[in-house]
C-alpha atoms as a PDB file:
ATOM      1  CA  MET A   1      20.910 303.109 125.899  1.00  0.00           C
ATOM      2  CA  ASP A   2      17.873 301.043 126.894  1.00  0.00           C
ATOM      3  CA  LYS A   3      19.551 298.466 128.844  1.00  0.00           C
ATOM      4  CA  PRO A   4      20.674 298.236 132.623  1.00  0.00           C
ATOM      5  CA  ALA A   5      24.245 299.647 132.920  1.00  0.00           C
ATOM      6  CA  HIS A   6      25.590 297.071 134.760  1.00  0.00           C
ATOM      7  CA  LEU A   7      25.528 294.685 132.010  1.00  0.00           C
ATOM      8  CA  PHE A   8      28.393 296.869 130.678  1.00  0.00           C
ATOM      9  CA  ASP A   9      30.435 296.451 133.710  1.00  0.00           C
ATOM     10  CA  ARG A  10      33.991 295.615 132.662  1.00  0.00           C
ATOM     11  CA  ARG A  11      34.051 292.500 134.995  1.00  0.00           C
ATOM     12  CA  THR A  12      31.057 290.960 133.362  1.00  0.00           C
ATOM     13  CA  VAL A  13      30.842 292.234 130.002  1.00  0.00           C
ATOM     14  CA  LYS A  14      32.498 289.185 127.982  1.00  0.00           C
ATOM     15  CA  ARG A  15      30.316 286.878 129.821  1.00  0.00           C
ATOM     16  CA  ASN A  16      27.385 288.994 128.876  1.00  0.00           C
ATOM     17  CA  MET A  17      28.163 289.079 125.295  1.00  0.00           C
ATOM     18  CA  ALA A  18      28.594 285.283 125.229  1.00  0.00           C
ATOM     19  CA  ALA A  19      25.392 284.725 127.067  1.00  0.00           C
ATOM     20  CA  GLY A  20      23.839 287.256 123.861  1.00  0.00           C
ATOM     21  CA  LEU A  21      22.788 289.944 126.327  1.00  0.00           C
ATOM     22  CA  ILE A  22      24.774 292.595 124.782  1.00  0.00           C
ATOM     23  CA  THR A  23      26.485 292.890 121.433  1.00  0.00           C
ATOM     24  CA  LYS A  24      29.934 294.525 120.985  1.00  0.00           C
ATOM     25  CA  ASP A  25      28.254 297.085 119.130  1.00  0.00           C
ATOM     26  CA  GLU A  26      26.072 298.332 121.865  1.00  0.00           C
ATOM     27  CA  TYR A  27      29.439 297.964 123.962  1.00  0.00           C
ATOM     28  CA  GLN A  28      31.379 300.120 122.099  1.00  0.00           C
ATOM     29  CA  ALA A  29      28.356 302.871 121.585  1.00  0.00           C
ATOM     30  CA  TRP A  30      28.144 302.464 125.384  1.00  0.00           C
ATOM     31  CA  LEU A  31      31.670 303.487 125.916  1.00  0.00           C
ATOM     32  CA  ASP A  32      31.436 306.370 123.554  1.00  0.00           C
ATOM     33  CA  SER A  33      29.001 307.591 125.760  1.00  0.00           C
ATOM     34  CA  LEU A  34      30.823 307.902 128.764  1.00  0.00           C
ATOM     35  CA  ASP A  35      32.160 311.444 129.571  1.00  0.00           C
ATOM     36  CA  ASP A  36      35.977 312.163 129.656  1.00  0.00           C
ATOM     37  CA  CYS A  37      37.009 312.484 133.362  1.00  0.00           C
ATOM     38  CA  GLY A  38      40.670 313.034 132.376  1.00  0.00           C
ATOM     39  CA  ASP A  39      40.434 316.590 133.705  1.00  0.00           C
ATOM     40  CA  SER A  40      39.614 315.728 137.143  1.00  0.00           C
ATOM     41  CA  VAL A  41      42.458 313.631 137.958  1.00  0.00           C
ATOM     42  CA  VAL A  42      44.235 313.849 140.998  1.00  0.00           C
ATOM     43  CA  VAL A  43      47.959 312.602 141.218  1.00  0.00           C
ATOM     44  CA  SER A  44      49.059 311.412 144.177  1.00  0.00           C
ATOM     45  CA  ASP A  45      52.403 309.852 145.461  1.00  0.00           C
ATOM     46  CA  VAL A  46      51.950 306.734 147.117  1.00  0.00           C
ATOM     47  CA  LYS A  47      54.418 304.954 149.145  1.00  0.00           C
ATOM     48  CA  PHE A  48      54.030 301.519 150.463  1.00  0.00           C
ATOM     49  CA  GLU A  49      55.493 300.391 153.578  1.00  0.00           C
ATOM     50  CA  HIS A  50      56.122 296.536 154.461  1.00  0.00           C
ATOM     51  CA  ARG A  51      54.411 295.554 157.877  1.00  0.00           C
ATOM     52  CA  ALA A  52      54.165 292.543 159.614  1.00  0.00           C
ATOM     53  CA  ARG A  53      51.191 290.491 160.022  1.00  0.00           C
ATOM     54  CA  PHE A  54      49.291 288.384 162.723  1.00  0.00           C
ATOM     55  CA  ASP A  55      49.942 284.512 161.763  1.00  0.00           C
ATOM     56  CA  HIS A  56      46.662 282.446 162.846  1.00  0.00           C
ATOM     57  CA  THR A  57      48.687 279.349 162.925  1.00  0.00           C
ATOM     58  CA  ALA A  58      51.188 280.396 165.204  1.00  0.00           C
ATOM     59  CA  SER A  59      51.662 282.327 168.139  1.00  0.00           C
ATOM     60  CA  GLY A  60      52.112 285.802 167.193  1.00  0.00           C
ATOM     61  CA  TYR A  61      53.587 287.948 164.136  1.00  0.00           C
ATOM     62  CA  THR A  62      55.209 286.760 161.225  1.00  0.00           C
ATOM     63  CA  ASP A  63      56.877 288.346 158.610  1.00  0.00           C
ATOM     64  CA  ALA A  64      54.514 288.729 155.216  1.00  0.00           C
ATOM     65  CA  ASP A  65      57.333 287.206 152.921  1.00  0.00           C
ATOM     66  CA  ASP A  66      57.723 284.153 155.087  1.00  0.00           C
ATOM     67  CA  ASP A  67      54.942 282.368 152.981  1.00  0.00           C
END
């Protein structure tokens, strides 16, 4: 591919297509050229805990759900 990889960044690809920097066919070709990394996936068990946060408008900590 002769175009810089940053043009195919999923966060900006629609804008780059609209600007005529890349085409849908070029984007699809770039996607097809990517390696399949599915065999290197690591599964993790994540647990989120509620924590108090500092409220800079008051004089101390407040519950994060009190917005």
